[in-house]
Amino acid sequence: MIGKTMDELNVGDFAEFSKTISETDVYLYAGITCDFNPAHLNETYAAGTFFKTRIAHGMLVAGFISTILGTQLPGPGTIYLRQEVNFLAPVRFGDTITARAEVIELEAEKKRVRLKTTCINQEGVMVIEGEALVSPPKKPKP
């Protein structure tokens, strides 16, 4: 199975993915990346920060954009070329994040797709905004 090819995509196409951030998610991400920043893992330390509690790694949340691109839009076979990410607000344990990717430009000559990417929490607060550039999958040769 492959995702949408260049010919199957249109400006305005979008997909979304939602997930609630758990303490386990944050600890697993810390273990995989070796990012043991106490702002993510140590409640006593985090209580003394601007956020007053532990927060999820920004790149953990940004990874939900990759989920969309690789599984939904364009989908399987997509090659991720670039991602601009602006972190706008913290994500706390228990927040439900909805990531969204929307096609904003089709570069037919280069066979590339630009997408607006966002992550919004359950209160409607945008926590991440940015833009992705991908190469969509090609039709398999018979």
N, C-alpha and C. Protein backbone atom coordinates (compact mmCIF):
# COMPACT_ATOMS: atom_id res chain seq x y z
N MET A 1 0.83 -1.18 0.00
CA MET A 1 0.00 0.00 0.00
C MET A 1 0.88 1.25 0.00
N ILE A 2 0.54 2.20 -0.86
CA ILE A 2 1.26 3.47 -0.85
C ILE A 2 0.26 4.58 -0.61
N GLY A 3 0.79 5.74 -0.22
CA GLY A 3 -0.05 6.90 0.01
C GLY A 3 -0.42 7.58 -1.29
N LYS A 4 -0.92 8.80 -1.15
CA LYS A 4 -1.33 9.57 -2.32
C LYS A 4 -0.12 10.04 -3.11
N THR A 5 -0.20 9.85 -4.42
CA THR A 5 0.87 10.31 -5.31
C THR A 5 0.64 11.78 -5.63
N MET A 6 1.60 12.38 -6.29
CA MET A 6 1.51 13.79 -6.67
C MET A 6 0.21 14.08 -7.41
N ASP A 7 -0.20 13.19 -8.30
CA ASP A 7 -1.41 13.40 -9.10
C ASP A 7 -2.69 13.29 -8.28
N GLU A 8 -2.61 12.68 -7.12
CA GLU A 8 -3.79 12.47 -6.28
C GLU A 8 -3.96 13.53 -5.20
N LEU A 9 -3.01 14.45 -5.10
CA LEU A 9 -3.05 15.48 -4.06
C LEU A 9 -3.59 16.79 -4.59
N ASN A 10 -4.24 17.54 -3.71
CA ASN A 10 -4.77 18.86 -4.05
C ASN A 10 -4.48 19.84 -2.92
N VAL A 11 -4.28 21.10 -3.27
CA VAL A 11 -4.16 22.14 -2.25
C VAL A 11 -5.45 22.12 -1.43
N GLY A 12 -5.29 22.17 -0.12
CA GLY A 12 -6.44 22.12 0.79
C GLY A 12 -6.67 20.75 1.40
N ASP A 13 -6.11 19.69 0.82
CA ASP A 13 -6.21 18.36 1.43
C ASP A 13 -5.57 18.43 2.81
N PHE A 14 -6.15 17.73 3.79
CA PHE A 14 -5.57 17.72 5.13
C PHE A 14 -5.86 16.40 5.82
N ALA A 15 -5.09 16.16 6.87
CA ALA A 15 -5.30 14.99 7.72
C ALA A 15 -4.94 15.39 9.15
N GLU A 16 -5.51 14.67 10.11
CA GLU A 16 -5.27 14.94 11.52
C GLU A 16 -4.98 13.65 12.29
N PHE A 17 -4.28 13.81 13.40
CA PHE A 17 -3.97 12.70 14.30
C PHE A 17 -4.03 13.24 15.72
N SER A 18 -4.71 12.55 16.62
CA SER A 18 -4.81 13.00 18.01
C SER A 18 -4.28 11.94 18.96
N LYS A 19 -3.65 12.43 20.04
CA LYS A 19 -3.13 11.53 21.07
C LYS A 19 -3.04 12.29 22.38
N THR A 20 -3.37 11.60 23.48
CA THR A 20 -3.19 12.16 24.81
C THR A 20 -1.80 11.79 25.31
N ILE A 21 -1.07 12.79 25.78
CA ILE A 21 0.31 12.61 26.24
C ILE A 21 0.30 12.02 27.65
N SER A 22 0.95 10.89 27.82
CA SER A 22 1.03 10.25 29.13
C SER A 22 2.44 10.40 29.70
N GLU A 23 2.55 10.14 30.99
CA GLU A 23 3.86 10.14 31.63
C GLU A 23 4.74 9.07 30.98
N THR A 24 4.16 7.94 30.66
CA THR A 24 4.90 6.86 30.00
C THR A 24 5.47 7.32 28.66
N ASP A 25 4.67 8.05 27.88
CA ASP A 25 5.15 8.56 26.60
C ASP A 25 6.43 9.39 26.79
N VAL A 26 6.40 10.27 27.78
CA VAL A 26 7.53 11.16 28.03
C VAL A 26 8.75 10.37 28.49
N TYR A 27 8.57 9.42 29.39
CA TYR A 27 9.70 8.62 29.85
C TYR A 27 10.27 7.75 28.72
N LEU A 28 9.43 7.16 27.90
CA LEU A 28 9.93 6.37 26.78
C LEU A 28 10.70 7.24 25.80
N TYR A 29 10.17 8.42 25.49
CA TYR A 29 10.86 9.34 24.58
C TYR A 29 12.22 9.74 25.16
N ALA A 30 12.25 10.04 26.46
CA ALA A 30 13.52 10.41 27.10
C ALA A 30 14.53 9.27 26.97
N GLY A 31 14.07 8.04 27.18
CA GLY A 31 14.96 6.89 27.07
C GLY A 31 15.49 6.67 25.67
N ILE A 32 14.63 6.85 24.68
CA ILE A 32 15.04 6.64 23.29
C ILE A 32 16.02 7.71 22.84
N THR A 33 15.77 8.96 23.23
CA THR A 33 16.60 10.07 22.76
C THR A 33 17.73 10.45 23.70
N CYS A 34 17.70 9.92 24.94
CA CYS A 34 18.66 10.28 25.98
C CYS A 34 18.55 11.75 26.38
N ASP A 35 17.37 12.33 26.20
CA ASP A 35 17.12 13.71 26.66
C ASP A 35 16.46 13.62 28.03
N PHE A 36 17.31 13.69 29.06
CA PHE A 36 16.85 13.54 30.43
C PHE A 36 16.72 14.89 31.14
N ASN A 37 16.39 15.92 30.40
CA ASN A 37 16.19 17.25 30.97
C ASN A 37 15.20 17.14 32.12
N PRO A 38 15.55 17.65 33.32
CA PRO A 38 14.65 17.52 34.46
C PRO A 38 13.32 18.27 34.29
N ALA A 39 13.23 19.16 33.34
CA ALA A 39 11.95 19.84 33.07
C ALA A 39 10.90 18.84 32.60
N HIS A 40 11.36 17.71 32.09
CA HIS A 40 10.46 16.67 31.59
C HIS A 40 10.24 15.54 32.60
N LEU A 41 11.23 15.30 33.46
CA LEU A 41 11.23 14.08 34.27
C LEU A 41 11.18 14.28 35.78
N ASN A 42 11.56 15.43 36.26
CA ASN A 42 11.67 15.64 37.70
C ASN A 42 10.65 16.68 38.17
N GLU A 43 9.60 16.19 38.85
CA GLU A 43 8.51 17.09 39.26
C GLU A 43 8.99 18.16 40.23
N THR A 44 9.88 17.83 41.13
CA THR A 44 10.39 18.82 42.09
C THR A 44 11.13 19.93 41.36
N TYR A 45 12.00 19.55 40.44
CA TYR A 45 12.70 20.55 39.64
C TYR A 45 11.71 21.38 38.82
N ALA A 46 10.80 20.69 38.13
CA ALA A 46 9.86 21.37 37.23
C ALA A 46 8.95 22.34 37.98
N ALA A 47 8.64 22.06 39.24
CA ALA A 47 7.79 22.95 40.03
C ALA A 47 8.42 24.33 40.18
N GLY A 48 9.74 24.41 40.09
CA GLY A 48 10.44 25.69 40.21
C GLY A 48 10.64 26.40 38.88
N THR A 49 10.12 25.84 37.80
CA THR A 49 10.27 26.47 36.48
C THR A 49 9.07 27.36 36.17
N PHE A 50 9.16 28.05 35.08
CA PHE A 50 8.08 28.90 34.59
C PHE A 50 6.79 28.11 34.40
N PHE A 51 6.90 26.84 34.06
CA PHE A 51 5.73 26.02 33.75
C PHE A 51 5.08 25.41 34.99
N LYS A 52 5.81 25.35 36.11
CA LYS A 52 5.30 24.86 37.41
C LYS A 52 5.03 23.36 37.47
N THR A 53 5.27 22.65 36.40
CA THR A 53 5.11 21.20 36.36
C THR A 53 5.90 20.64 35.20
N ARG A 54 6.02 19.32 35.15
CA ARG A 54 6.74 18.70 34.04
C ARG A 54 5.99 18.94 32.73
N ILE A 55 6.76 19.04 31.65
CA ILE A 55 6.18 19.21 30.32
C ILE A 55 6.76 18.16 29.38
N ALA A 56 6.03 17.88 28.33
CA ALA A 56 6.50 16.92 27.32
C ALA A 56 7.60 17.55 26.47
N HIS A 57 8.46 16.72 25.94
CA HIS A 57 9.48 17.19 25.00
C HIS A 57 8.78 17.77 23.77
N GLY A 58 9.25 18.91 23.32
CA GLY A 58 8.66 19.52 22.13
C GLY A 58 8.76 18.62 20.91
N MET A 59 9.89 17.93 20.76
CA MET A 59 10.06 17.08 19.59
C MET A 59 9.21 15.82 19.65
N LEU A 60 8.85 15.39 20.85
CA LEU A 60 7.90 14.28 20.97
C LEU A 60 6.58 14.69 20.32
N VAL A 61 6.12 15.87 20.66
CA VAL A 61 4.85 16.37 20.11
C VAL A 61 4.98 16.62 18.61
N ALA A 62 6.08 17.21 18.18
CA ALA A 62 6.30 17.47 16.75
C ALA A 62 6.32 16.16 15.97
N GLY A 63 6.69 15.07 16.61
CA GLY A 63 6.70 13.77 15.95
C GLY A 63 5.33 13.33 15.46
N PHE A 64 4.26 13.88 16.04
CA PHE A 64 2.92 13.53 15.58
C PHE A 64 2.69 14.01 14.14
N ILE A 65 3.41 15.05 13.74
CA ILE A 65 3.32 15.51 12.35
C ILE A 65 3.89 14.43 11.43
N SER A 66 4.99 13.83 11.84
CA SER A 66 5.57 12.73 11.06
C SER A 66 4.59 11.58 10.93
N THR A 67 3.82 11.32 11.99
CA THR A 67 2.80 10.27 11.94
C THR A 67 1.83 10.53 10.79
N ILE A 68 1.37 11.75 10.68
CA ILE A 68 0.42 12.09 9.61
C ILE A 68 1.07 11.90 8.25
N LEU A 69 2.26 12.48 8.07
CA LEU A 69 2.91 12.45 6.76
C LEU A 69 3.23 11.03 6.30
N GLY A 70 3.63 10.18 7.23
CA GLY A 70 4.03 8.83 6.87
C GLY A 70 2.91 7.81 6.81
N THR A 71 1.75 8.15 7.40
CA THR A 71 0.67 7.16 7.43
C THR A 71 -0.63 7.61 6.77
N GLN A 72 -0.80 8.94 6.60
CA GLN A 72 -2.07 9.44 6.08
C GLN A 72 -1.94 10.36 4.87
N LEU A 73 -1.17 11.42 5.01
CA LEU A 73 -1.10 12.44 3.95
C LEU A 73 0.32 12.95 3.78
N PRO A 74 0.99 12.67 2.71
CA PRO A 74 0.55 11.82 1.63
C PRO A 74 0.40 10.35 2.00
N GLY A 75 1.14 9.88 3.01
CA GLY A 75 0.97 8.50 3.47
C GLY A 75 2.19 7.64 3.20
N PRO A 76 2.02 6.31 3.29
CA PRO A 76 3.14 5.38 3.14
C PRO A 76 3.93 5.62 1.85
N GLY A 77 5.25 5.66 2.01
CA GLY A 77 6.13 5.91 0.88
C GLY A 77 6.61 7.35 0.79
N THR A 78 6.02 8.22 1.60
CA THR A 78 6.41 9.64 1.61
C THR A 78 7.82 9.78 2.18
N ILE A 79 8.60 10.66 1.57
CA ILE A 79 9.94 10.99 2.06
C ILE A 79 9.89 12.40 2.65
N TYR A 80 10.22 12.49 3.93
CA TYR A 80 10.24 13.75 4.68
C TYR A 80 11.52 14.50 4.32
N LEU A 81 11.42 15.70 3.79
CA LEU A 81 12.59 16.46 3.36
C LEU A 81 12.96 17.59 4.32
N ARG A 82 11.95 18.25 4.87
CA ARG A 82 12.23 19.41 5.73
C ARG A 82 11.05 19.65 6.66
N GLN A 83 11.34 20.15 7.86
CA GLN A 83 10.29 20.53 8.80
C GLN A 83 10.72 21.79 9.54
N GLU A 84 9.92 22.81 9.46
CA GLU A 84 10.10 24.01 10.27
C GLU A 84 9.14 23.87 11.45
N VAL A 85 9.65 24.11 12.65
CA VAL A 85 8.82 23.95 13.85
C VAL A 85 8.99 25.17 14.74
N ASN A 86 7.88 25.77 15.12
CA ASN A 86 7.86 26.84 16.10
C ASN A 86 7.07 26.35 17.31
N PHE A 87 7.74 26.31 18.47
CA PHE A 87 7.10 25.86 19.70
C PHE A 87 6.45 27.06 20.37
N LEU A 88 5.14 27.02 20.51
CA LEU A 88 4.39 28.19 20.97
C LEU A 88 3.90 28.09 22.41
N ALA A 89 3.66 26.89 22.90
CA ALA A 89 3.13 26.71 24.26
C ALA A 89 3.54 25.33 24.76
N PRO A 90 3.62 25.16 26.08
CA PRO A 90 4.01 23.86 26.63
C PRO A 90 2.90 22.83 26.49
N VAL A 91 3.32 21.57 26.48
CA VAL A 91 2.39 20.44 26.48
C VAL A 91 2.61 19.71 27.80
N ARG A 92 1.54 19.61 28.57
CA ARG A 92 1.61 18.97 29.87
C ARG A 92 1.11 17.53 29.80
N PHE A 93 1.49 16.72 30.76
CA PHE A 93 1.00 15.36 30.84
C PHE A 93 -0.52 15.42 30.93
N GLY A 94 -1.19 14.58 30.15
CA GLY A 94 -2.65 14.56 30.13
C GLY A 94 -3.26 15.42 29.04
N ASP A 95 -2.47 16.28 28.40
CA ASP A 95 -3.00 17.08 27.29
C ASP A 95 -3.27 16.16 26.09
N THR A 96 -4.36 16.43 25.41
CA THR A 96 -4.66 15.74 24.16
C THR A 96 -4.29 16.67 23.02
N ILE A 97 -3.38 16.21 22.20
CA ILE A 97 -2.85 17.01 21.10
C ILE A 97 -3.41 16.51 19.78
N THR A 98 -3.89 17.45 18.97
CA THR A 98 -4.32 17.12 17.61
C THR A 98 -3.33 17.78 16.65
N ALA A 99 -2.61 16.91 15.93
CA ALA A 99 -1.69 17.38 14.89
C ALA A 99 -2.46 17.44 13.58
N ARG A 100 -2.11 18.41 12.74
CA ARG A 100 -2.79 18.59 11.46
C ARG A 100 -1.75 18.96 10.41
N ALA A 101 -1.90 18.39 9.23
CA ALA A 101 -1.07 18.75 8.08
C ALA A 101 -2.00 19.06 6.93
N GLU A 102 -1.78 20.20 6.29
CA GLU A 102 -2.62 20.64 5.18
C GLU A 102 -1.76 21.02 3.99
N VAL A 103 -2.09 20.49 2.82
CA VAL A 103 -1.36 20.80 1.60
C VAL A 103 -1.56 22.28 1.26
N ILE A 104 -0.45 23.01 1.13
CA ILE A 104 -0.54 24.43 0.76
C ILE A 104 0.09 24.73 -0.59
N GLU A 105 0.92 23.81 -1.10
CA GLU A 105 1.52 24.02 -2.42
C GLU A 105 1.96 22.69 -3.00
N LEU A 106 1.73 22.54 -4.30
CA LEU A 106 2.22 21.38 -5.05
C LEU A 106 3.29 21.88 -6.01
N GLU A 107 4.52 21.40 -5.84
CA GLU A 107 5.62 21.78 -6.72
C GLU A 107 5.79 20.66 -7.73
N ALA A 108 4.98 20.71 -8.79
CA ALA A 108 4.92 19.61 -9.77
C ALA A 108 6.27 19.31 -10.40
N GLU A 109 7.04 20.34 -10.76
CA GLU A 109 8.31 20.12 -11.44
C GLU A 109 9.28 19.34 -10.57
N LYS A 110 9.31 19.67 -9.30
CA LYS A 110 10.23 19.01 -8.37
C LYS A 110 9.60 17.80 -7.69
N LYS A 111 8.31 17.60 -7.93
CA LYS A 111 7.56 16.51 -7.29
C LYS A 111 7.68 16.59 -5.77
N ARG A 112 7.38 17.79 -5.26
CA ARG A 112 7.41 18.06 -3.83
C ARG A 112 6.10 18.69 -3.39
N VAL A 113 5.80 18.52 -2.12
CA VAL A 113 4.56 19.05 -1.55
C VAL A 113 4.91 19.83 -0.29
N ARG A 114 4.39 21.05 -0.20
CA ARG A 114 4.53 21.85 1.03
C ARG A 114 3.24 21.75 1.82
N LEU A 115 3.37 21.58 3.12
CA LEU A 115 2.21 21.44 3.99
C LEU A 115 2.34 22.36 5.20
N LYS A 116 1.24 22.98 5.57
CA LYS A 116 1.17 23.72 6.83
C LYS A 116 0.98 22.68 7.92
N THR A 117 1.76 22.78 9.00
CA THR A 117 1.67 21.80 10.07
C THR A 117 1.39 22.50 11.39
N THR A 118 0.46 21.94 12.16
CA THR A 118 0.11 22.51 13.46
C THR A 118 -0.18 21.40 14.46
N CYS A 119 -0.04 21.75 15.73
CA CYS A 119 -0.47 20.90 16.83
C CYS A 119 -1.25 21.79 17.80
N ILE A 120 -2.44 21.34 18.16
CA ILE A 120 -3.34 22.11 19.02
C ILE A 120 -3.76 21.24 20.19
N ASN A 121 -3.84 21.84 21.39
CA ASN A 121 -4.26 21.04 22.55
C ASN A 121 -5.78 21.02 22.68
N GLN A 122 -6.26 20.32 23.69
CA GLN A 122 -7.69 20.13 23.90
C GLN A 122 -8.44 21.42 24.20
N GLU A 123 -7.73 22.47 24.55
CA GLU A 123 -8.34 23.77 24.82
C GLU A 123 -8.32 24.69 23.60
N GLY A 124 -7.82 24.16 22.49
CA GLY A 124 -7.75 24.96 21.27
C GLY A 124 -6.51 25.84 21.18
N VAL A 125 -5.55 25.63 22.07
CA VAL A 125 -4.31 26.41 22.06
C VAL A 125 -3.33 25.77 21.09
N MET A 126 -2.82 26.58 20.16
CA MET A 126 -1.82 26.08 19.22
C MET A 126 -0.49 25.98 19.96
N VAL A 127 0.06 24.77 20.03
CA VAL A 127 1.32 24.55 20.73
C VAL A 127 2.50 24.47 19.77
N ILE A 128 2.24 24.10 18.53
CA ILE A 128 3.28 24.04 17.49
C ILE A 128 2.68 24.52 16.18
N GLU A 129 3.47 25.29 15.44
CA GLU A 129 3.10 25.63 14.06
C GLU A 129 4.37 25.53 13.23
N GLY A 130 4.18 25.25 11.96
CA GLY A 130 5.33 25.14 11.09
C GLY A 130 4.95 24.77 9.68
N GLU A 131 5.93 24.27 8.97
CA GLU A 131 5.73 23.90 7.56
C GLU A 131 6.62 22.71 7.24
N ALA A 132 6.09 21.79 6.46
CA ALA A 132 6.84 20.61 6.04
C ALA A 132 6.99 20.59 4.53
N LEU A 133 8.05 19.96 4.08
CA LEU A 133 8.28 19.71 2.66
C LEU A 133 8.52 18.22 2.52
N VAL A 134 7.75 17.60 1.62
CA VAL A 134 7.87 16.15 1.43
C VAL A 134 7.90 15.81 -0.05
N SER A 135 8.39 14.61 -0.31
CA SER A 135 8.30 14.02 -1.63
C SER A 135 7.27 12.90 -1.51
N PRO A 136 6.12 13.04 -2.18
CA PRO A 136 5.09 12.01 -2.04
C PRO A 136 5.51 10.72 -2.74
N PRO A 137 4.84 9.62 -2.40
CA PRO A 137 5.20 8.35 -3.02
C PRO A 137 4.92 8.35 -4.52
N LYS A 138 5.61 7.49 -5.21
CA LYS A 138 5.39 7.32 -6.65
C LYS A 138 4.66 6.01 -6.86
N LYS A 139 3.90 5.96 -7.94
CA LYS A 139 3.20 4.71 -8.26
C LYS A 139 4.22 3.63 -8.54
N PRO A 140 3.98 2.44 -7.99
CA PRO A 140 4.91 1.35 -8.28
C PRO A 140 4.86 0.96 -9.75
N LYS A 141 5.99 0.56 -10.28
CA LYS A 141 6.03 0.14 -11.68
C LYS A 141 5.47 -1.27 -11.79
N PRO A 142 4.63 -1.51 -12.80
CA PRO A 142 4.01 -2.84 -12.95
C PRO A 142 5.03 -3.92 -13.29
